[in-house]
Amino acid sequence: KGRFIISRNNAQNTLYLQMNSLKPEDTAVYYCASSARTYYIQNYDRK
């Protein structure tokens, strides 16, 4: 929070993640994911 910004361009079917002030602990493989349900979902942080 305060370092990363998530955004999307629905016209171009693209999701973004702007990562600023990166730290060594941010080292990882990053995956994008699409929700199973359409429109509103209850838990945005659940795999």
ModelCIF file with pLDDT and N, C-alpha, C, O atoms, coordinates in Angstrom:
data_MODEL
#
_entry.id   MODEL 
#
_entity.id                         1 
_entity.type                       polymer 
_entity.pdbx_number_of_molecules   1 
#
_entity_poly.entity_id                      1 
_entity_poly.type                           'polypeptide(L)' 
_entity_poly.nstd_linkage                   no 
_entity_poly.nstd_monomer                   no 
_entity_poly.pdbx_seq_one_letter_code       KGRFIISRNNAQNTLYLQMNSLKPEDTAVYYCASSARTYYIQNYDRK 
_entity_poly.pdbx_seq_one_letter_code_can   KGRFIISRNNAQNTLYLQMNSLKPEDTAVYYCASSARTYYIQNYDRK 
_entity_poly.pdbx_strand_id                 A 
#
loop_
_entity_poly_seq.entity_id 
_entity_poly_seq.num 
_entity_poly_seq.mon_id 
_entity_poly_seq.hetero 
1 1  LYS n 
1 2  GLY n 
1 3  ARG n 
1 4  PHE n 
1 5  ILE n 
1 6  ILE n 
1 7  SER n 
1 8  ARG n 
1 9  ASN n 
1 10 ASN n 
1 11 ALA n 
1 12 GLN n 
1 13 ASN n 
1 14 THR n 
1 15 LEU n 
1 16 TYR n 
1 17 LEU n 
1 18 GLN n 
1 19 MET n 
1 20 ASN n 
1 21 SER n 
1 22 LEU n 
1 23 LYS n 
1 24 PRO n 
1 25 GLU n 
1 26 ASP n 
1 27 THR n 
1 28 ALA n 
1 29 VAL n 
1 30 TYR n 
1 31 TYR n 
1 32 CYS n 
1 33 ALA n 
1 34 SER n 
1 35 SER n 
1 36 ALA n 
1 37 ARG n 
1 38 THR n 
1 39 TYR n 
1 40 TYR n 
1 41 ILE n 
1 42 GLN n 
1 43 ASN n 
1 44 TYR n 
1 45 ASP n 
1 46 ARG n 
1 47 LYS n 
#
_struct_asym.id          A 
_struct_asym.entity_id   1 
#
loop_
_ma_qa_metric.id 
_ma_qa_metric.mode 
_ma_qa_metric.name 
_ma_qa_metric.software_group_id 
_ma_qa_metric.type 
1 global pLDDT . pLDDT 
2 local  pLDDT . pLDDT 
#
_ma_qa_metric_global.metric_id      1 
_ma_qa_metric_global.metric_value   96.15 
_ma_qa_metric_global.model_id       1 
_ma_qa_metric_global.ordinal_id     1 
#
loop_
_ma_qa_metric_local.label_asym_id 
_ma_qa_metric_local.label_comp_id 
_ma_qa_metric_local.label_seq_id 
_ma_qa_metric_local.metric_id 
_ma_qa_metric_local.metric_value 
_ma_qa_metric_local.model_id 
_ma_qa_metric_local.ordinal_id 
A LYS 1  2 98.00 1 1  
A GLY 2  2 98.00 1 2  
A ARG 3  2 98.00 1 3  
A PHE 4  2 98.00 1 4  
A ILE 5  2 98.00 1 5  
A ILE 6  2 98.00 1 6  
A SER 7  2 98.00 1 7  
A ARG 8  2 98.00 1 8  
A ASN 9  2 97.00 1 9  
A ASN 10 2 96.00 1 10 
A ALA 11 2 96.00 1 11 
A GLN 12 2 97.00 1 12 
A ASN 13 2 97.00 1 13 
A THR 14 2 98.00 1 14 
A LEU 15 2 98.00 1 15 
A TYR 16 2 98.00 1 16 
A LEU 17 2 98.00 1 17 
A GLN 18 2 98.00 1 18 
A MET 19 2 98.00 1 19 
A ASN 20 2 98.00 1 20 
A SER 21 2 98.00 1 21 
A LEU 22 2 98.00 1 22 
A LYS 23 2 98.00 1 23 
A PRO 24 2 98.00 1 24 
A GLU 25 2 97.00 1 25 
A ASP 26 2 98.00 1 26 
A THR 27 2 98.00 1 27 
A ALA 28 2 98.00 1 28 
A VAL 29 2 98.00 1 29 
A TYR 30 2 98.00 1 30 
A TYR 31 2 98.00 1 31 
A CYS 32 2 98.00 1 32 
A ALA 33 2 98.00 1 33 
A SER 34 2 97.00 1 34 
A SER 35 2 96.00 1 35 
A ALA 36 2 93.00 1 36 
A ARG 37 2 93.00 1 37 
A THR 38 2 91.00 1 38 
A TYR 39 2 91.00 1 39 
A TYR 40 2 87.00 1 40 
A ILE 41 2 86.00 1 41 
A GLN 42 2 85.00 1 42 
A ASN 43 2 91.00 1 43 
A TYR 44 2 95.00 1 44 
A ASP 45 2 96.00 1 45 
A ARG 46 2 96.00 1 46 
A LYS 47 2 96.00 1 47 
#
loop_
_atom_site.group_PDB 
_atom_site.id 
_atom_site.type_symbol 
_atom_site.label_atom_id 
_atom_site.label_alt_id 
_atom_site.label_comp_id 
_atom_site.label_asym_id 
_atom_site.label_entity_id 
_atom_site.label_seq_id 
_atom_site.pdbx_PDB_ins_code 
_atom_site.Cartn_x 
_atom_site.Cartn_y 
_atom_site.Cartn_z 
_atom_site.occupancy 
_atom_site.B_iso_or_equiv 
_atom_site.pdbx_formal_charge 
_atom_site.auth_seq_id 
_atom_site.auth_comp_id 
_atom_site.auth_asym_id 
_atom_site.auth_atom_id 
_atom_site.pdbx_PDB_model_num 
ATOM 1   N N  . LYS A 1 1  ? 0.835   -1.211  0.000   1.00 98.00 ? 1  LYS A N  1 
ATOM 2   C CA . LYS A 1 1  ? 0.000   0.000   0.000   1.00 98.00 ? 1  LYS A CA 1 
ATOM 3   C C  . LYS A 1 1  ? 0.863   1.252   0.000   1.00 98.00 ? 1  LYS A C  1 
ATOM 4   O O  . LYS A 1 1  ? 1.795   1.378   0.795   1.00 98.00 ? 1  LYS A O  1 
ATOM 5   N N  . GLY A 1 2  ? 0.544   2.173   -0.898  1.00 98.00 ? 2  GLY A N  1 
ATOM 6   C CA . GLY A 1 2  ? 1.308   3.405   -1.010  1.00 98.00 ? 2  GLY A CA 1 
ATOM 7   C C  . GLY A 1 2  ? 2.493   3.324   -1.956  1.00 98.00 ? 2  GLY A C  1 
ATOM 8   O O  . GLY A 1 2  ? 3.088   4.348   -2.292  1.00 98.00 ? 2  GLY A O  1 
ATOM 9   N N  . ARG A 1 3  ? 2.844   2.117   -2.389  1.00 98.00 ? 3  ARG A N  1 
ATOM 10  C CA . ARG A 1 3  ? 3.968   1.924   -3.317  1.00 98.00 ? 3  ARG A CA 1 
ATOM 11  C C  . ARG A 1 3  ? 3.520   1.368   -4.661  1.00 98.00 ? 3  ARG A C  1 
ATOM 12  O O  . ARG A 1 3  ? 4.090   1.720   -5.694  1.00 98.00 ? 3  ARG A O  1 
ATOM 13  N N  . PHE A 1 4  ? 2.518   0.512   -4.664  1.00 98.00 ? 4  PHE A N  1 
ATOM 14  C CA . PHE A 1 4  ? 2.047   -0.136  -5.886  1.00 98.00 ? 4  PHE A CA 1 
ATOM 15  C C  . PHE A 1 4  ? 0.700   0.465   -6.293  1.00 98.00 ? 4  PHE A C  1 
ATOM 16  O O  . PHE A 1 4  ? -0.091  0.889   -5.450  1.00 98.00 ? 4  PHE A O  1 
ATOM 17  N N  . ILE A 1 5  ? 0.460   0.491   -7.604  1.00 98.00 ? 5  ILE A N  1 
ATOM 18  C CA . ILE A 1 5  ? -0.810  0.959   -8.146  1.00 98.00 ? 5  ILE A CA 1 
ATOM 19  C C  . ILE A 1 5  ? -1.321  -0.036  -9.170  1.00 98.00 ? 5  ILE A C  1 
ATOM 20  O O  . ILE A 1 5  ? -0.643  -0.326  -10.155 1.00 98.00 ? 5  ILE A O  1 
ATOM 21  N N  . ILE A 1 6  ? -2.523  -0.562  -8.935  1.00 98.00 ? 6  ILE A N  1 
ATOM 22  C CA . ILE A 1 6  ? -3.154  -1.469  -9.902  1.00 98.00 ? 6  ILE A CA 1 
ATOM 23  C C  . ILE A 1 6  ? -4.114  -0.657  -10.757 1.00 98.00 ? 6  ILE A C  1 
ATOM 24  O O  . ILE A 1 6  ? -4.803  0.236   -10.264 1.00 98.00 ? 6  ILE A O  1 
ATOM 25  N N  . SER A 1 7  ? -4.148  -0.979  -12.040 1.00 98.00 ? 7  SER A N  1 
ATOM 26  C CA . SER A 1 7  ? -5.061  -0.286  -12.953 1.00 98.00 ? 7  SER A CA 1 
ATOM 27  C C  . SER A 1 7  ? -5.418  -1.229  -14.095 1.00 98.00 ? 7  SER A C  1 
ATOM 28  O O  . SER A 1 7  ? -4.816  -2.290  -14.253 1.00 98.00 ? 7  SER A O  1 
ATOM 29  N N  . ARG A 1 8  ? -6.401  -0.827  -14.885 1.00 98.00 ? 8  ARG A N  1 
ATOM 30  C CA . ARG A 1 8  ? -6.814  -1.661  -16.015 1.00 98.00 ? 8  ARG A CA 1 
ATOM 31  C C  . ARG A 1 8  ? -7.291  -0.785  -17.155 1.00 98.00 ? 8  ARG A C  1 
ATOM 32  O O  . ARG A 1 8  ? -7.769  0.331   -16.951 1.00 98.00 ? 8  ARG A O  1 
ATOM 33  N N  . ASN A 1 9  ? -7.153  -1.314  -18.354 1.00 97.00 ? 9  ASN A N  1 
ATOM 34  C CA . ASN A 1 9  ? -7.680  -0.672  -19.552 1.00 97.00 ? 9  ASN A CA 1 
ATOM 35  C C  . ASN A 1 9  ? -8.613  -1.681  -20.207 1.00 97.00 ? 9  ASN A C  1 
ATOM 36  O O  . ASN A 1 9  ? -8.161  -2.595  -20.896 1.00 97.00 ? 9  ASN A O  1 
ATOM 37  N N  . ASN A 1 10 ? -9.900  -1.517  -19.994 1.00 96.00 ? 10 ASN A N  1 
ATOM 38  C CA . ASN A 1 10 ? -10.855 -2.503  -20.499 1.00 96.00 ? 10 ASN A CA 1 
ATOM 39  C C  . ASN A 1 10 ? -10.972 -2.468  -22.030 1.00 96.00 ? 10 ASN A C  1 
ATOM 40  O O  . ASN A 1 10 ? -11.326 -3.473  -22.646 1.00 96.00 ? 10 ASN A O  1 
ATOM 41  N N  . ALA A 1 11 ? -10.686 -1.351  -22.625 1.00 96.00 ? 11 ALA A N  1 
ATOM 42  C CA . ALA A 1 11 ? -10.726 -1.270  -24.085 1.00 96.00 ? 11 ALA A CA 1 
ATOM 43  C C  . ALA A 1 11 ? -9.603  -2.091  -24.712 1.00 96.00 ? 11 ALA A C  1 
ATOM 44  O O  . ALA A 1 11 ? -9.731  -2.579  -25.835 1.00 96.00 ? 11 ALA A O  1 
ATOM 45  N N  . GLN A 1 12 ? -8.496  -2.239  -23.970 1.00 97.00 ? 12 GLN A N  1 
ATOM 46  C CA . GLN A 1 12 ? -7.352  -2.984  -24.476 1.00 97.00 ? 12 GLN A CA 1 
ATOM 47  C C  . GLN A 1 12 ? -7.160  -4.326  -23.773 1.00 97.00 ? 12 GLN A C  1 
ATOM 48  O O  . GLN A 1 12 ? -6.159  -5.007  -23.991 1.00 97.00 ? 12 GLN A O  1 
ATOM 49  N N  . ASN A 1 13 ? -8.124  -4.705  -22.926 1.00 97.00 ? 13 ASN A N  1 
ATOM 50  C CA . ASN A 1 13 ? -8.067  -6.005  -22.234 1.00 97.00 ? 13 ASN A CA 1 
ATOM 51  C C  . ASN A 1 13 ? -6.737  -6.210  -21.501 1.00 97.00 ? 13 ASN A C  1 
ATOM 52  O O  . ASN A 1 13 ? -6.135  -7.282  -21.568 1.00 97.00 ? 13 ASN A O  1 
ATOM 53  N N  . THR A 1 14 ? -6.299  -5.180  -20.815 1.00 98.00 ? 14 THR A N  1 
ATOM 54  C CA . THR A 1 14 ? -4.994  -5.235  -20.164 1.00 98.00 ? 14 THR A CA 1 
ATOM 55  C C  . THR A 1 14 ? -5.075  -4.756  -18.717 1.00 98.00 ? 14 THR A C  1 
ATOM 56  O O  . THR A 1 14 ? -5.740  -3.772  -18.396 1.00 98.00 ? 14 THR A O  1 
ATOM 57  N N  . LEU A 1 15 ? -4.385  -5.479  -17.873 1.00 98.00 ? 15 LEU A N  1 
ATOM 58  C CA . LEU A 1 15 ? -4.241  -5.155  -16.457 1.00 98.00 ? 15 LEU A CA 1 
ATOM 59  C C  . LEU A 1 15 ? -2.804  -4.702  -16.210 1.00 98.00 ? 15 LEU A C  1 
ATOM 60  O O  . LEU A 1 15 ? -1.873  -5.202  -16.841 1.00 98.00 ? 15 LEU A O  1 
ATOM 61  N N  . TYR A 1 16 ? -2.628  -3.755  -15.291 1.00 98.00 ? 16 TYR A N  1 
ATOM 62  C CA . TYR A 1 16 ? -1.301  -3.240  -14.994 1.00 98.00 ? 16 TYR A CA 1 
ATOM 63  C C  . TYR A 1 16 ? -1.019  -3.271  -13.490 1.00 98.00 ? 16 TYR A C  1 
ATOM 64  O O  . TYR A 1 16 ? -1.926  -3.276  -12.657 1.00 98.00 ? 16 TYR A O  1 
ATOM 65  N N  . LEU A 1 17 ? 0.273   -3.292  -13.185 1.00 98.00 ? 17 LEU A N  1 
ATOM 66  C CA . LEU A 1 17 ? 0.712   -3.096  -11.810 1.00 98.00 ? 17 LEU A CA 1 
ATOM 67  C C  . LEU A 1 17 ? 1.952   -2.212  -11.849 1.00 98.00 ? 17 LEU A C  1 
ATOM 68  O O  . LEU A 1 17 ? 3.027   -2.655  -12.251 1.00 98.00 ? 17 LEU A O  1 
ATOM 69  N N  . GLN A 1 18 ? 1.795   -0.973  -11.431 1.00 98.00 ? 18 GLN A N  1 
ATOM 70  C CA . GLN A 1 18 ? 2.921   -0.055  -11.320 1.00 98.00 ? 18 GLN A CA 1 
ATOM 71  C C  . GLN A 1 18 ? 3.544   -0.243  -9.945  1.00 98.00 ? 18 GLN A C  1 
ATOM 72  O O  . GLN A 1 18 ? 2.886   -0.048  -8.924  1.00 98.00 ? 18 GLN A O  1 
ATOM 73  N N  . MET A 1 19 ? 4.816   -0.622  -9.925  1.00 98.00 ? 19 MET A N  1 
ATOM 74  C CA . MET A 1 19 ? 5.502   -0.908  -8.666  1.00 98.00 ? 19 MET A CA 1 
ATOM 75  C C  . MET A 1 19 ? 6.605   0.128   -8.465  1.00 98.00 ? 19 MET A C  1 
ATOM 76  O O  . MET A 1 19 ? 7.551   0.200   -9.249  1.00 98.00 ? 19 MET A O  1 
ATOM 77  N N  . ASN A 1 20 ? 6.476   0.920   -7.416  1.00 98.00 ? 20 ASN A N  1 
ATOM 78  C CA . ASN A 1 20 ? 7.447   1.963   -7.086  1.00 98.00 ? 20 ASN A CA 1 
ATOM 79  C C  . ASN A 1 20 ? 8.123   1.667   -5.757  1.00 98.00 ? 20 ASN A C  1 
ATOM 80  O O  . ASN A 1 20 ? 7.645   0.847   -4.972  1.00 98.00 ? 20 ASN A O  1 
ATOM 81  N N  . SER A 1 21 ? 9.226   2.334   -5.517  1.00 98.00 ? 21 SER A N  1 
ATOM 82  C CA . SER A 1 21 ? 9.960   2.169   -4.249  1.00 98.00 ? 21 SER A CA 1 
ATOM 83  C C  . SER A 1 21 ? 10.151  0.696   -3.912  1.00 98.00 ? 21 SER A C  1 
ATOM 84  O O  . SER A 1 21 ? 9.888   0.257   -2.792  1.00 98.00 ? 21 SER A O  1 
ATOM 85  N N  . LEU A 1 22 ? 10.606  -0.042  -4.887  1.00 98.00 ? 22 LEU A N  1 
ATOM 86  C CA . LEU A 1 22 ? 10.728  -1.496  -4.717  1.00 98.00 ? 22 LEU A CA 1 
ATOM 87  C C  . LEU A 1 22 ? 11.757  -1.852  -3.660  1.00 98.00 ? 22 LEU A C  1 
ATOM 88  O O  . LEU A 1 22 ? 12.776  -1.180  -3.500  1.00 98.00 ? 22 LEU A O  1 
ATOM 89  N N  . LYS A 1 23 ? 11.458  -2.932  -2.941  1.00 98.00 ? 23 LYS A N  1 
ATOM 90  C CA . LYS A 1 23 ? 12.314  -3.430  -1.876  1.00 98.00 ? 23 LYS A CA 1 
ATOM 91  C C  . LYS A 1 23 ? 12.750  -4.857  -2.214  1.00 98.00 ? 23 LYS A C  1 
ATOM 92  O O  . LYS A 1 23 ? 12.076  -5.541  -2.984  1.00 98.00 ? 23 LYS A O  1 
ATOM 93  N N  . PRO A 1 24 ? 13.856  -5.306  -1.655  1.00 98.00 ? 24 PRO A N  1 
ATOM 94  C CA . PRO A 1 24 ? 14.278  -6.697  -1.909  1.00 98.00 ? 24 PRO A CA 1 
ATOM 95  C C  . PRO A 1 24 ? 13.199  -7.716  -1.545  1.00 98.00 ? 24 PRO A C  1 
ATOM 96  O O  . PRO A 1 24 ? 13.100  -8.769  -2.175  1.00 98.00 ? 24 PRO A O  1 
ATOM 97  N N  . GLU A 1 25 ? 12.405  -7.410  -0.548  1.00 97.00 ? 25 GLU A N  1 
ATOM 98  C CA . GLU A 1 25 ? 11.342  -8.350  -0.160  1.00 97.00 ? 25 GLU A CA 1 
ATOM 99  C C  . GLU A 1 25 ? 10.190  -8.402  -1.161  1.00 97.00 ? 25 GLU A C  1 
ATOM 100 O O  . GLU A 1 25 ? 9.287   -9.226  -1.015  1.00 97.00 ? 25 GLU A O  1 
ATOM 101 N N  . ASP A 1 26 ? 10.206  -7.542  -2.168  1.00 98.00 ? 26 ASP A N  1 
ATOM 102 C CA . ASP A 1 26 ? 9.213   -7.624  -3.247  1.00 98.00 ? 26 ASP A CA 1 
ATOM 103 C C  . ASP A 1 26 ? 9.611   -8.662  -4.301  1.00 98.00 ? 26 ASP A C  1 
ATOM 104 O O  . ASP A 1 26 ? 8.836   -8.954  -5.211  1.00 98.00 ? 26 ASP A O  1 
ATOM 105 N N  . THR A 1 27 ? 10.812  -9.214  -4.177  1.00 98.00 ? 27 THR A N  1 
ATOM 106 C CA . THR A 1 27 ? 11.275  -10.223 -5.129  1.00 98.00 ? 27 THR A CA 1 
ATOM 107 C C  . THR A 1 27 ? 10.365  -11.443 -5.100  1.00 98.00 ? 27 THR A C  1 
ATOM 108 O O  . THR A 1 27 ? 10.151  -12.042 -4.046  1.00 98.00 ? 27 THR A O  1 
ATOM 109 N N  . ALA A 1 28 ? 9.827   -11.809 -6.269  1.00 98.00 ? 28 ALA A N  1 
ATOM 110 C CA . ALA A 1 28 ? 8.882   -12.921 -6.364  1.00 98.00 ? 28 ALA A CA 1 
ATOM 111 C C  . ALA A 1 28 ? 8.498   -13.103 -7.826  1.00 98.00 ? 28 ALA A C  1 
ATOM 112 O O  . ALA A 1 28 ? 8.851   -12.294 -8.684  1.00 98.00 ? 28 ALA A O  1 
ATOM 113 N N  . VAL A 1 29 ? 7.771   -14.181 -8.090  1.00 98.00 ? 29 VAL A N  1 
ATOM 114 C CA . VAL A 1 29 ? 7.086   -14.321 -9.370  1.00 98.00 ? 29 VAL A CA 1 
ATOM 115 C C  . VAL A 1 29 ? 5.696   -13.712 -9.203  1.00 98.00 ? 29 VAL A C  1 
ATOM 116 O O  . VAL A 1 29 ? 4.968   -14.053 -8.270  1.00 98.00 ? 29 VAL A O  1 
ATOM 117 N N  . TYR A 1 30 ? 5.339   -12.817 -10.106 1.00 98.00 ? 30 TYR A N  1 
ATOM 118 C CA . TYR A 1 30 ? 4.064   -12.114 -10.028 1.00 98.00 ? 30 TYR A CA 1 
ATOM 119 C C  . TYR A 1 30 ? 3.084   -12.714 -11.031 1.00 98.00 ? 30 TYR A C  1 
ATOM 120 O O  . TYR A 1 30 ? 3.413   -12.918 -12.200 1.00 98.00 ? 30 TYR A O  1 
ATOM 121 N N  . TYR A 1 31 ? 1.863   -12.993 -10.547 1.00 98.00 ? 31 TYR A N  1 
ATOM 122 C CA . TYR A 1 31 ? 0.820   -13.614 -11.363 1.00 98.00 ? 31 TYR A CA 1 
ATOM 123 C C  . TYR A 1 31 ? -0.405  -12.699 -11.417 1.00 98.00 ? 31 TYR A C  1 
ATOM 124 O O  . TYR A 1 31 ? -0.800  -12.120 -10.406 1.00 98.00 ? 31 TYR A O  1 
ATOM 125 N N  . CYS A 1 32 ? -0.999  -12.575 -12.599 1.00 98.00 ? 32 CYS A N  1 
ATOM 126 C CA . CYS A 1 32 ? -2.301  -11.931 -12.677 1.00 98.00 ? 32 CYS A CA 1 
ATOM 127 C C  . CYS A 1 32 ? -3.377  -13.015 -12.668 1.00 98.00 ? 32 CYS A C  1 
ATOM 128 O O  . CYS A 1 32 ? -3.138  -14.157 -13.061 1.00 98.00 ? 32 CYS A O  1 
ATOM 129 N N  . ALA A 1 33 ? -4.560  -12.628 -12.211 1.00 98.00 ? 33 ALA A N  1 
ATOM 130 C CA . ALA A 1 33 ? -5.650  -13.581 -12.079 1.00 98.00 ? 33 ALA A CA 1 
ATOM 131 C C  . ALA A 1 33 ? -6.970  -12.898 -12.393 1.00 98.00 ? 33 ALA A C  1 
ATOM 132 O O  . ALA A 1 33 ? -7.146  -11.704 -12.149 1.00 98.00 ? 33 ALA A O  1 
ATOM 133 N N  . SER A 1 34 ? -7.898  -13.685 -12.943 1.00 97.00 ? 34 SER A N  1 
ATOM 134 C CA . SER A 1 34 ? -9.227  -13.192 -13.312 1.00 97.00 ? 34 SER A CA 1 
ATOM 135 C C  . SER A 1 34 ? -10.273 -13.854 -12.424 1.00 97.00 ? 34 SER A C  1 
ATOM 136 O O  . SER A 1 34 ? -10.227 -15.065 -12.208 1.00 97.00 ? 34 SER A O  1 
ATOM 137 N N  . SER A 1 35 ? -11.206 -13.076 -11.915 1.00 96.00 ? 35 SER A N  1 
ATOM 138 C CA . SER A 1 35 ? -12.191 -13.617 -10.987 1.00 96.00 ? 35 SER A CA 1 
ATOM 139 C C  . SER A 1 35 ? -13.114 -14.616 -11.665 1.00 96.00 ? 35 SER A C  1 
ATOM 140 O O  . SER A 1 35 ? -13.447 -14.474 -12.841 1.00 96.00 ? 35 SER A O  1 
ATOM 141 N N  . ALA A 1 36 ? -13.523 -15.628 -10.910 1.00 93.00 ? 36 ALA A N  1 
ATOM 142 C CA . ALA A 1 36 ? -14.401 -16.661 -11.440 1.00 93.00 ? 36 ALA A CA 1 
ATOM 143 C C  . ALA A 1 36 ? -15.797 -16.097 -11.737 1.00 93.00 ? 36 ALA A C  1 
ATOM 144 O O  . ALA A 1 36 ? -16.398 -16.420 -12.761 1.00 93.00 ? 36 ALA A O  1 
ATOM 145 N N  . ARG A 1 37 ? -16.298 -15.260 -10.840 1.00 93.00 ? 37 ARG A N  1 
ATOM 146 C CA . ARG A 1 37 ? -17.613 -14.665 -11.027 1.00 93.00 ? 37 ARG A CA 1 
ATOM 147 C C  . ARG A 1 37 ? -17.484 -13.362 -11.786 1.00 93.00 ? 37 ARG A C  1 
ATOM 148 O O  . ARG A 1 37 ? -16.442 -12.707 -11.759 1.00 93.00 ? 37 ARG A O  1 
ATOM 149 N N  . THR A 1 38 ? -18.550 -12.997 -12.459 1.00 91.00 ? 38 THR A N  1 
ATOM 150 C CA . THR A 1 38 ? -18.563 -11.702 -13.138 1.00 91.00 ? 38 THR A CA 1 
ATOM 151 C C  . THR A 1 38 ? -18.983 -10.611 -12.164 1.00 91.00 ? 38 THR A C  1 
ATOM 152 O O  . THR A 1 38 ? -19.644 -10.862 -11.157 1.00 91.00 ? 38 THR A O  1 
ATOM 153 N N  . TYR A 1 39 ? -18.580 -9.402  -12.499 1.00 91.00 ? 39 TYR A N  1 
ATOM 154 C CA . TYR A 1 39 ? -18.924 -8.193  -11.762 1.00 91.00 ? 39 TYR A CA 1 
ATOM 155 C C  . TYR A 1 39 ? -18.482 -8.262  -10.311 1.00 91.00 ? 39 TYR A C  1 
ATOM 156 O O  . TYR A 1 39 ? -17.281 -8.349  -10.059 1.00 91.00 ? 39 TYR A O  1 
ATOM 157 N N  . TYR A 1 40 ? -19.380 -8.228  -9.353  1.00 87.00 ? 40 TYR A N  1 
ATOM 158 C CA . TYR A 1 40 ? -18.958 -8.078  -7.957  1.00 87.00 ? 40 TYR A CA 1 
ATOM 159 C C  . TYR A 1 40 ? -18.585 -9.415  -7.336  1.00 87.00 ? 40 TYR A C  1 
ATOM 160 O O  . TYR A 1 40 ? -19.290 -10.409 -7.509  1.00 87.00 ? 40 TYR A O  1 
ATOM 161 N N  . ILE A 1 41 ? -17.453 -9.432  -6.601  1.00 86.00 ? 41 ILE A N  1 
ATOM 162 C CA . ILE A 1 41 ? -17.067 -10.623 -5.863  1.00 86.00 ? 41 ILE A CA 1 
ATOM 163 C C  . ILE A 1 41 ? -16.902 -10.231 -4.403  1.00 86.00 ? 41 ILE A C  1 
ATOM 164 O O  . ILE A 1 41 ? -16.729 -9.053  -4.087  1.00 86.00 ? 41 ILE A O  1 
ATOM 165 N N  . GLN A 1 42 ? -16.955 -11.207 -3.520  1.00 85.00 ? 42 GLN A N  1 
ATOM 166 C CA . GLN A 1 42 ? -16.978 -10.911 -2.092  1.00 85.00 ? 42 GLN A CA 1 
ATOM 167 C C  . GLN A 1 42 ? -15.590 -10.730 -1.501  1.00 85.00 ? 42 GLN A C  1 
ATOM 168 O O  . GLN A 1 42 ? -15.376 -9.868  -0.648  1.00 85.00 ? 42 GLN A O  1 
ATOM 169 N N  . ASN A 1 43 ? -14.656 -11.539 -1.955  1.00 91.00 ? 43 ASN A N  1 
ATOM 170 C CA . ASN A 1 43 ? -13.334 -11.534 -1.346  1.00 91.00 ? 43 ASN A CA 1 
ATOM 171 C C  . ASN A 1 43 ? -12.267 -11.338 -2.409  1.00 91.00 ? 43 ASN A C  1 
ATOM 172 O O  . ASN A 1 43 ? -11.934 -12.278 -3.131  1.00 91.00 ? 43 ASN A O  1 
ATOM 173 N N  . TYR A 1 44 ? -11.736 -10.150 -2.514  1.00 95.00 ? 44 TYR A N  1 
ATOM 174 C CA . TYR A 1 44 ? -10.770 -9.860  -3.560  1.00 95.00 ? 44 TYR A CA 1 
ATOM 175 C C  . TYR A 1 44 ? -9.401  -10.447 -3.276  1.00 95.00 ? 44 TYR A C  1 
ATOM 176 O O  . TYR A 1 44 ? -8.575  -10.547 -4.184  1.00 95.00 ? 44 TYR A O  1 
ATOM 177 N N  . ASP A 1 45 ? -9.138  -10.843 -2.021  1.00 96.00 ? 45 ASP A N  1 
ATOM 178 C CA . ASP A 1 45 ? -7.812  -11.300 -1.666  1.00 96.00 ? 45 ASP A CA 1 
ATOM 179 C C  . ASP A 1 45 ? -7.707  -12.823 -1.544  1.00 96.00 ? 45 ASP A C  1 
ATOM 180 O O  . ASP A 1 45 ? -6.681  -13.335 -1.096  1.00 96.00 ? 45 ASP A O  1 
ATOM 181 N N  . ARG A 1 46 ? -8.745  -13.543 -1.933  1.00 96.00 ? 46 ARG A N  1 
ATOM 182 C CA . ARG A 1 46 ? -8.732  -15.001 -1.827  1.00 96.00 ? 46 ARG A CA 1 
ATOM 183 C C  . ARG A 1 46 ? -8.386  -15.643 -3.159  1.00 96.00 ? 46 ARG A C  1 
ATOM 184 O O  . ARG A 1 46 ? -9.022  -15.345 -4.171  1.00 96.00 ? 46 ARG A O  1 
ATOM 185 N N  . LYS A 1 47 ? -7.397  -16.513 -3.176  1.00 96.00 ? 47 LYS A N  1 
ATOM 186 C CA . LYS A 1 47 ? -7.017  -17.200 -4.419  1.00 96.00 ? 47 LYS A CA 1 
ATOM 187 C C  . LYS A 1 47 ? -8.178  -17.998 -4.986  1.00 96.00 ? 47 LYS A C  1 
ATOM 188 O O  . LYS A 1 47 ? -8.037  -18.639 -6.028  1.00 96.00 ? 47 LYS A O  1 
#
